[in-house]
Amino acid sequence: VMGLKKDDKGNAVGFAEPEGVDPELDHAARI
């Protein structure tokens, strides 16, 4: 999960991304 940070008004102000995640750039799959 790559989440969103929000302020007290519910506006997105950043990304809440877990530490240590190493994202795959070129990926395709049937899920």
Full PDB file with SEQRES, HELIX, SHEET, SSBOND, CRYST1, ORIGX, SCALE, CONECT and MASTER records, all heavy atoms in Angstrom:
SEQRES   1 A   31  VAL MET GLY LEU LYS LYS ASP ASP LYS GLY ASN ALA VAL          
SEQRES   2 A   31  GLY PHE ALA GLU PRO GLU GLY VAL ASP PRO GLU LEU ASP          
SEQRES   3 A   31  HIS ALA ALA ARG ILE                                          
SHEET    1 AA1 2 GLY A   3  LYS A   6  0                                        
SHEET    2 AA1 2 ALA A  12  ALA A  16 -1                                        
CRYST1    1.000    1.000    1.000  90.00  90.00  90.00 P 1           1          
ORIGX1      1.000000  0.000000  0.000000        0.00000                         
ORIGX2      0.000000  1.000000  0.000000        0.00000                         
ORIGX3      0.000000  0.000000  1.000000        0.00000                         
SCALE1      1.000000  0.000000  0.000000        0.00000                         
SCALE2      0.000000  1.000000  0.000000        0.00000                         
SCALE3      0.000000  0.000000  1.000000        0.00000                         
ATOM      1  N   VAL A   1       0.835  -1.196   0.000  1.00  0.00           N  
ATOM      2  CA  VAL A   1       0.000   0.000   0.000  1.00  0.00           C  
ATOM      3  C   VAL A   1       0.874   1.252   0.000  1.00  0.00           C  
ATOM      4  O   VAL A   1       1.841   1.368   0.740  1.00  0.00           O  
ATOM      5  CB  VAL A   1      -0.916   0.023   1.240  1.00  0.00           C  
ATOM      6  CG1 VAL A   1      -1.702   1.338   1.315  1.00  0.00           C  
ATOM      7  CG2 VAL A   1      -1.865  -1.164   1.223  1.00  0.00           C  
ATOM      8  N   MET A   2       0.533   2.189  -0.876  1.00  0.00           N  
ATOM      9  CA  MET A   2       1.140   3.512  -0.881  1.00  0.00           C  
ATOM     10  C   MET A   2       0.036   4.513  -0.578  1.00  0.00           C  
ATOM     11  O   MET A   2      -0.793   4.817  -1.440  1.00  0.00           O  
ATOM     12  CB  MET A   2       1.776   3.822  -2.244  1.00  0.00           C  
ATOM     13  CG  MET A   2       2.973   2.951  -2.565  1.00  0.00           C  
ATOM     14  SD  MET A   2       4.319   3.222  -1.387  1.00  0.00           S  
ATOM     15  CE  MET A   2       5.717   2.613  -2.323  1.00  0.00           C  
ATOM     16  N   GLY A   3       0.004   4.995   0.656  1.00  0.00           N  
ATOM     17  CA  GLY A   3      -1.113   5.808   1.109  1.00  0.00           C  
ATOM     18  C   GLY A   3      -0.906   7.301   0.931  1.00  0.00           C  
ATOM     19  O   GLY A   3       0.106   7.763   0.393  1.00  0.00           O  
ATOM     20  N   LEU A   4      -1.895   8.059   1.389  1.00  0.00           N  
ATOM     21  CA  LEU A   4      -1.871   9.513   1.327  1.00  0.00           C  
ATOM     22  C   LEU A   4      -1.903  10.097   2.731  1.00  0.00           C  
ATOM     23  O   LEU A   4      -2.549   9.552   3.628  1.00  0.00           O  
ATOM     24  CB  LEU A   4      -3.077  10.044   0.553  1.00  0.00           C  
ATOM     25  CG  LEU A   4      -3.136   9.800  -0.948  1.00  0.00           C  
ATOM     26  CD1 LEU A   4      -4.491  10.246  -1.481  1.00  0.00           C  
ATOM     27  CD2 LEU A   4      -2.028  10.559  -1.649  1.00  0.00           C  
ATOM     28  N   LYS A   5      -1.191  11.190   2.919  1.00  0.00           N  
ATOM     29  CA  LYS A   5      -1.314  11.982   4.133  1.00  0.00           C  
ATOM     30  C   LYS A   5      -2.299  13.110   3.867  1.00  0.00           C  
ATOM     31  O   LYS A   5      -2.281  13.708   2.796  1.00  0.00           O  
ATOM     32  CB  LYS A   5       0.036  12.561   4.540  1.00  0.00           C  
ATOM     33  CG  LYS A   5       1.068  11.534   4.953  1.00  0.00           C  
ATOM     34  CD  LYS A   5       2.371  12.222   5.332  1.00  0.00           C  
ATOM     35  CE  LYS A   5       3.427  11.198   5.726  1.00  0.00           C  
ATOM     36  NZ  LYS A   5       4.726  11.851   6.059  1.00  0.00           N  
ATOM     37  N   LYS A   6      -3.139  13.412   4.862  1.00  0.00           N  
ATOM     38  CA  LYS A   6      -4.132  14.465   4.695  1.00  0.00           C  
ATOM     39  C   LYS A   6      -4.078  15.436   5.866  1.00  0.00           C  
ATOM     40  O   LYS A   6      -3.675  15.073   6.975  1.00  0.00           O  
ATOM     41  CB  LYS A   6      -5.528  13.861   4.582  1.00  0.00           C  
ATOM     42  CG  LYS A   6      -5.728  13.001   3.341  1.00  0.00           C  
ATOM     43  CD  LYS A   6      -7.168  12.546   3.210  1.00  0.00           C  
ATOM     44  CE  LYS A   6      -7.381  11.758   1.924  1.00  0.00           C  
ATOM     45  NZ  LYS A   6      -8.798  11.346   1.759  1.00  0.00           N  
ATOM     46  N   ASP A   7      -4.481  16.685   5.568  1.00  0.00           N  
ATOM     47  CA  ASP A   7      -4.540  17.663   6.642  1.00  0.00           C  
ATOM     48  C   ASP A   7      -5.889  17.562   7.342  1.00  0.00           C  
ATOM     49  O   ASP A   7      -6.710  16.693   7.027  1.00  0.00           O  
ATOM     50  CB  ASP A   7      -4.286  19.074   6.111  1.00  0.00           C  
ATOM     51  CG  ASP A   7      -5.300  19.500   5.049  1.00  0.00           C  
ATOM     52  OD1 ASP A   7      -6.377  18.864   4.954  1.00  0.00           O  
ATOM     53  OD2 ASP A   7      -5.024  20.468   4.321  1.00  0.00           O  
ATOM     54  N   ASP A   8      -6.139  18.471   8.298  1.00  0.00           N  
ATOM     55  CA  ASP A   8      -7.376  18.379   9.068  1.00  0.00           C  
ATOM     56  C   ASP A   8      -8.614  18.695   8.254  1.00  0.00           C  
ATOM     57  O   ASP A   8      -9.743  18.452   8.695  1.00  0.00           O  
ATOM     58  CB  ASP A   8      -7.306  19.315  10.283  1.00  0.00           C  
ATOM     59  CG  ASP A   8      -6.972  20.754   9.896  1.00  0.00           C  
ATOM     60  OD1 ASP A   8      -6.832  21.028   8.696  1.00  0.00           O  
ATOM     61  OD2 ASP A   8      -6.839  21.596  10.803  1.00  0.00           O  
ATOM     62  N   LYS A   9      -8.419  19.228   7.030  1.00  0.00           N  
ATOM     63  CA  LYS A   9      -9.548  19.494   6.151  1.00  0.00           C  
ATOM     64  C   LYS A   9      -9.780  18.372   5.145  1.00  0.00           C  
ATOM     65  O   LYS A   9     -10.673  18.457   4.313  1.00  0.00           O  
ATOM     66  CB  LYS A   9      -9.332  20.807   5.410  1.00  0.00           C  
ATOM     67  CG  LYS A   9      -9.284  22.026   6.321  1.00  0.00           C  
ATOM     68  CD  LYS A   9      -9.084  23.297   5.502  1.00  0.00           C  
ATOM     69  CE  LYS A   9      -9.048  24.521   6.408  1.00  0.00           C  
ATOM     70  NZ  LYS A   9      -8.849  25.779   5.637  1.00  0.00           N  
ATOM     71  N   GLY A  10      -8.948  17.338   5.224  1.00  0.00           N  
ATOM     72  CA  GLY A  10      -9.097  16.220   4.313  1.00  0.00           C  
ATOM     73  C   GLY A  10      -8.381  16.377   2.993  1.00  0.00           C  
ATOM     74  O   GLY A  10      -8.530  15.548   2.092  1.00  0.00           O  
ATOM     75  N   ASN A  11      -7.561  17.428   2.859  1.00  0.00           N  
ATOM     76  CA  ASN A  11      -6.804  17.628   1.630  1.00  0.00           C  
ATOM     77  C   ASN A  11      -5.523  16.812   1.650  1.00  0.00           C  
ATOM     78  O   ASN A  11      -4.835  16.742   2.677  1.00  0.00           O  
ATOM     79  CB  ASN A  11      -6.448  19.112   1.467  1.00  0.00           C  
ATOM     80  CG  ASN A  11      -7.672  19.991   1.362  1.00  0.00           C  
ATOM     81  OD1 ASN A  11      -8.617  19.651   0.672  1.00  0.00           O  
ATOM     82  ND2 ASN A  11      -7.667  21.115   2.068  1.00  0.00           N  
ATOM     83  N   ALA A  12      -5.201  16.196   0.523  1.00  0.00           N  
ATOM     84  CA  ALA A  12      -3.968  15.422   0.423  1.00  0.00           C  
ATOM     85  C   ALA A  12      -2.771  16.361   0.481  1.00  0.00           C  
ATOM     86  O   ALA A  12      -2.715  17.357  -0.247  1.00  0.00           O  
ATOM     87  CB  ALA A  12      -3.945  14.620  -0.866  1.00  0.00           C  
ATOM     88  N   VAL A  13      -1.824  16.075   1.364  1.00  0.00           N  
ATOM     89  CA  VAL A  13      -0.641  16.933   1.526  1.00  0.00           C  
ATOM     90  C   VAL A  13       0.656  16.153   1.390  1.00  0.00           C  
ATOM     91  O   VAL A  13       1.738  16.710   1.525  1.00  0.00           O  
ATOM     92  CB  VAL A  13      -0.668  17.662   2.891  1.00  0.00           C  
ATOM     93  CG1 VAL A  13      -1.835  18.626   2.960  1.00  0.00           C  
ATOM     94  CG2 VAL A  13      -0.722  16.658   4.041  1.00  0.00           C  
ATOM     95  N   GLY A  14       0.603  14.874   1.123  1.00  0.00           N  
ATOM     96  CA  GLY A  14       1.817  14.083   0.989  1.00  0.00           C  
ATOM     97  C   GLY A  14       1.487  12.608   0.828  1.00  0.00           C  
ATOM     98  O   GLY A  14       0.319  12.211   0.832  1.00  0.00           O  
ATOM     99  N   PHE A  15       2.535  11.812   0.701  1.00  0.00           N  
ATOM    100  CA  PHE A  15       2.364  10.374   0.547  1.00  0.00           C  
ATOM    101  C   PHE A  15       2.851   9.650   1.796  1.00  0.00           C  
ATOM    102  O   PHE A  15       3.913   9.967   2.336  1.00  0.00           O  
ATOM    103  CB  PHE A  15       3.136   9.874  -0.673  1.00  0.00           C  
ATOM    104  CG  PHE A  15       2.443  10.155  -1.971  1.00  0.00           C  
ATOM    105  CD1 PHE A  15       2.648  11.354  -2.633  1.00  0.00           C  
ATOM    106  CD2 PHE A  15       1.572   9.235  -2.527  1.00  0.00           C  
ATOM    107  CE1 PHE A  15       2.001  11.635  -3.821  1.00  0.00           C  
ATOM    108  CE2 PHE A  15       0.917   9.506  -3.717  1.00  0.00           C  
ATOM    109  CZ  PHE A  15       1.133  10.707  -4.362  1.00  0.00           C  
ATOM    110  N   ALA A  16       2.070   8.694   2.267  1.00  0.00           N  
ATOM    111  CA  ALA A  16       2.434   7.868   3.414  1.00  0.00           C  
ATOM    112  C   ALA A  16       2.926   6.526   2.884  1.00  0.00           C  
ATOM    113  O   ALA A  16       2.137   5.597   2.687  1.00  0.00           O  
ATOM    114  CB  ALA A  16       1.232   7.688   4.340  1.00  0.00           C  
ATOM    115  N   GLU A  17       4.214   6.452   2.632  1.00  0.00           N  
ATOM    116  CA  GLU A  17       4.777   5.257   2.018  1.00  0.00           C  
ATOM    117  C   GLU A  17       5.657   4.514   3.028  1.00  0.00           C  
ATOM    118  O   GLU A  17       6.489   5.126   3.700  1.00  0.00           O  
ATOM    119  CB  GLU A  17       5.584   5.652   0.785  1.00  0.00           C  
ATOM    120  CG  GLU A  17       4.701   6.361  -0.247  1.00  0.00           C  
ATOM    121  CD  GLU A  17       5.469   6.811  -1.469  1.00  0.00           C  
ATOM    122  OE1 GLU A  17       6.708   6.909  -1.377  1.00  0.00           O  
ATOM    123  OE2 GLU A  17       4.836   7.079  -2.508  1.00  0.00           O  
ATOM    124  N   PRO A  18       5.475   3.223   3.149  1.00  0.00           N  
ATOM    125  CA  PRO A  18       6.205   2.443   4.157  1.00  0.00           C  
ATOM    126  C   PRO A  18       7.717   2.517   3.956  1.00  0.00           C  
ATOM    127  O   PRO A  18       8.215   2.578   2.827  1.00  0.00           O  
ATOM    128  CB  PRO A  18       5.688   1.016   3.938  1.00  0.00           C  
ATOM    129  CG  PRO A  18       4.417   1.171   3.172  1.00  0.00           C  
ATOM    130  CD  PRO A  18       4.581   2.391   2.341  1.00  0.00           C  
ATOM    131  N   GLU A  19       8.441   2.507   5.046  1.00  0.00           N  
ATOM    132  CA  GLU A  19       9.905   2.471   4.986  1.00  0.00           C  
ATOM    133  C   GLU A  19      10.380   1.134   4.423  1.00  0.00           C  
ATOM    134  O   GLU A  19       9.775   0.093   4.664  1.00  0.00           O  
ATOM    135  CB  GLU A  19      10.500   2.677   6.378  1.00  0.00           C  
ATOM    136  CG  GLU A  19      10.297   4.074   6.942  1.00  0.00           C  
ATOM    137  CD  GLU A  19      11.113   5.116   6.205  1.00  0.00           C  
ATOM    138  OE1 GLU A  19      12.132   4.735   5.598  1.00  0.00           O  
ATOM    139  OE2 GLU A  19      10.721   6.295   6.223  1.00  0.00           O  
ATOM    140  N   GLY A  20      11.437   1.177   3.637  1.00  0.00           N  
ATOM    141  CA  GLY A  20      12.063  -0.046   3.160  1.00  0.00           C  
ATOM    142  C   GLY A  20      11.452  -0.651   1.914  1.00  0.00           C  
ATOM    143  O   GLY A  20      11.948  -1.655   1.407  1.00  0.00           O  
ATOM    144  N   VAL A  21      10.380  -0.059   1.388  1.00  0.00           N  
ATOM    145  CA  VAL A  21       9.762  -0.596   0.174  1.00  0.00           C  
ATOM    146  C   VAL A  21      10.643  -0.266  -1.027  1.00  0.00           C  
ATOM    147  O   VAL A  21      11.153   0.844  -1.165  1.00  0.00           O  
ATOM    148  CB  VAL A  21       8.346  -0.024  -0.019  1.00  0.00           C  
ATOM    149  CG1 VAL A  21       7.772  -0.465  -1.359  1.00  0.00           C  
ATOM    150  CG2 VAL A  21       7.441  -0.469   1.115  1.00  0.00           C  
ATOM    151  N   ASP A  22      10.837  -1.239  -1.886  1.00  0.00           N  
ATOM    152  CA  ASP A  22      11.669  -1.082  -3.077  1.00  0.00           C  
ATOM    153  C   ASP A  22      10.771  -1.285  -4.300  1.00  0.00           C  
ATOM    154  O   ASP A  22      10.630  -2.397  -4.798  1.00  0.00           O  
ATOM    155  CB  ASP A  22      12.794  -2.122  -3.052  1.00  0.00           C  
ATOM    156  CG  ASP A  22      13.850  -1.844  -4.101  1.00  0.00           C  
ATOM    157  OD1 ASP A  22      13.864  -0.721  -4.642  1.00  0.00           O  
ATOM    158  OD2 ASP A  22      14.658  -2.744  -4.387  1.00  0.00           O  
ATOM    159  N   PRO A  23      10.149  -0.223  -4.820  1.00  0.00           N  
ATOM    160  CA  PRO A  23       9.131  -0.378  -5.869  1.00  0.00           C  
ATOM    161  C   PRO A  23       9.711  -0.924  -7.169  1.00  0.00           C  
ATOM    162  O   PRO A  23      10.813  -0.569  -7.578  1.00  0.00           O  
ATOM    163  CB  PRO A  23       8.593   1.039  -6.061  1.00  0.00           C  
ATOM    164  CG  PRO A  23       9.016   1.801  -4.849  1.00  0.00           C  
ATOM    165  CD  PRO A  23      10.317   1.192  -4.423  1.00  0.00           C  
ATOM    166  N   GLU A  24       8.917  -1.768  -7.832  1.00  0.00           N  
ATOM    167  CA  GLU A  24       9.265  -2.271  -9.155  1.00  0.00           C  
ATOM    168  C   GLU A  24       8.785  -1.261 -10.193  1.00  0.00           C  
ATOM    169  O   GLU A  24       7.626  -0.849 -10.191  1.00  0.00           O  
ATOM    170  CB  GLU A  24       8.602  -3.625  -9.392  1.00  0.00           C  
ATOM    171  CG  GLU A  24       8.851  -4.204 -10.768  1.00  0.00           C  
ATOM    172  CD  GLU A  24      10.322  -4.497 -11.019  1.00  0.00           C  
ATOM    173  OE1 GLU A  24      10.893  -5.299 -10.277  1.00  0.00           O  
ATOM    174  OE2 GLU A  24      10.889  -3.889 -11.960  1.00  0.00           O  
ATOM    175  N   LEU A  25       9.683  -0.846 -11.090  1.00  0.00           N  
ATOM    176  CA  LEU A  25       9.341   0.188 -12.057  1.00  0.00           C  
ATOM    177  C   LEU A  25       8.605  -0.376 -13.269  1.00  0.00           C  
ATOM    178  O   LEU A  25       7.621   0.205 -13.730  1.00  0.00           O  
ATOM    179  CB  LEU A  25      10.618   0.908 -12.511  1.00  0.00           C  
ATOM    180  CG  LEU A  25      10.444   2.098 -13.453  1.00  0.00           C  
ATOM    181  CD1 LEU A  25       9.668   3.215 -12.777  1.00  0.00           C  
ATOM    182  CD2 LEU A  25      11.806   2.606 -13.925  1.00  0.00           C  
ATOM    183  N   ASP A  26       9.072  -1.483 -13.789  1.00  0.00           N  
ATOM    184  CA  ASP A  26       8.518  -2.055 -15.015  1.00  0.00           C  
ATOM    185  C   ASP A  26       7.835  -3.371 -14.665  1.00  0.00           C  
ATOM    186  O   ASP A  26       8.441  -4.437 -14.686  1.00  0.00           O  
ATOM    187  CB  ASP A  26       9.640  -2.267 -16.037  1.00  0.00           C  
ATOM    188  CG  ASP A  26       9.094  -2.614 -17.421  1.00  0.00           C  
ATOM    189  OD1 ASP A  26       7.863  -2.657 -17.568  1.00  0.00           O  
ATOM    190  OD2 ASP A  26       9.905  -2.836 -18.331  1.00  0.00           O  
ATOM    191  N   HIS A  27       6.549  -3.299 -14.363  1.00  0.00           N  
ATOM    192  CA  HIS A  27       5.819  -4.479 -13.889  1.00  0.00           C  
ATOM    193  C   HIS A  27       4.452  -4.541 -14.551  1.00  0.00           C  
ATOM    194  O   HIS A  27       3.788  -3.532 -14.741  1.00  0.00           O  
ATOM    195  CB  HIS A  27       5.644  -4.402 -12.358  1.00  0.00           C  
ATOM    196  CG  HIS A  27       4.772  -5.497 -11.800  1.00  0.00           C  
ATOM    197  ND1 HIS A  27       5.189  -6.801 -11.686  1.00  0.00           N  
ATOM    198  CD2 HIS A  27       3.497  -5.457 -11.315  1.00  0.00           C  
ATOM    199  CE1 HIS A  27       4.218  -7.532 -11.158  1.00  0.00           C  
ATOM    200  NE2 HIS A  27       3.179  -6.739 -10.921  1.00  0.00           N  
ATOM    201  N   ALA A  28       4.048  -5.744 -14.915  1.00  0.00           N  
ATOM    202  CA  ALA A  28       2.706  -5.980 -15.446  1.00  0.00           C  
ATOM    203  C   ALA A  28       2.256  -7.351 -14.988  1.00  0.00           C  
ATOM    204  O   ALA A  28       3.059  -8.288 -14.909  1.00  0.00           O  
ATOM    205  CB  ALA A  28       2.698  -5.901 -16.967  1.00  0.00           C  
ATOM    206  N   ALA A  29       0.981  -7.461 -14.661  1.00  0.00           N  
ATOM    207  CA  ALA A  29       0.464  -8.748 -14.186  1.00  0.00           C  
ATOM    208  C   ALA A  29      -1.055  -8.756 -14.243  1.00  0.00           C  
ATOM    209  O   ALA A  29      -1.697  -7.705 -14.275  1.00  0.00           O  
ATOM    210  CB  ALA A  29       0.931  -9.016 -12.748  1.00  0.00           C  
ATOM    211  N   ARG A  30      -1.622  -9.977 -14.266  1.00  0.00           N  
ATOM    212  CA  ARG A  30      -3.061 -10.139 -14.124  1.00  0.00           C  
ATOM    213  C   ARG A  30      -3.329 -10.412 -12.652  1.00  0.00           C  
ATOM    214  O   ARG A  30      -2.787 -11.361 -12.073  1.00  0.00           O  
ATOM    215  CB  ARG A  30      -3.567 -11.285 -14.979  1.00  0.00           C  
ATOM    216  CG  ARG A  30      -5.064 -11.561 -14.844  1.00  0.00           C  
ATOM    217  CD  ARG A  30      -5.535 -12.593 -15.836  1.00  0.00           C  
ATOM    218  NE  ARG A  30      -5.451 -12.074 -17.203  1.00  0.00           N  
ATOM    219  CZ  ARG A  30      -5.776 -12.788 -18.271  1.00  0.00           C  
ATOM    220  NH1 ARG A  30      -6.172 -14.056 -18.144  1.00  0.00           N  
ATOM    221  NH2 ARG A  30      -5.695 -12.259 -19.468  1.00  0.00           N  
ATOM    222  N   ILE A  31      -4.145  -9.556 -12.043  1.00  0.00           N  
ATOM    223  CA  ILE A  31      -4.382  -9.631 -10.606  1.00  0.00           C  
ATOM    224  C   ILE A  31      -5.856  -9.935 -10.360  1.00  0.00           C  
ATOM    225  O   ILE A  31      -6.736  -9.347 -11.000  1.00  0.00           O  
ATOM    226  CB  ILE A  31      -4.014  -8.295  -9.914  1.00  0.00           C  
ATOM    227  CG1 ILE A  31      -2.577  -7.895 -10.246  1.00  0.00           C  
ATOM    228  CG2 ILE A  31      -4.206  -8.388  -8.410  1.00  0.00           C  
ATOM    229  CD1 ILE A  31      -2.214  -6.505  -9.770  1.00  0.00           C  
TER     230      ILE A  31                                                      
MASTER        0    0    0    0    2    0    0    6  229    1    0    3          
END                                                                             
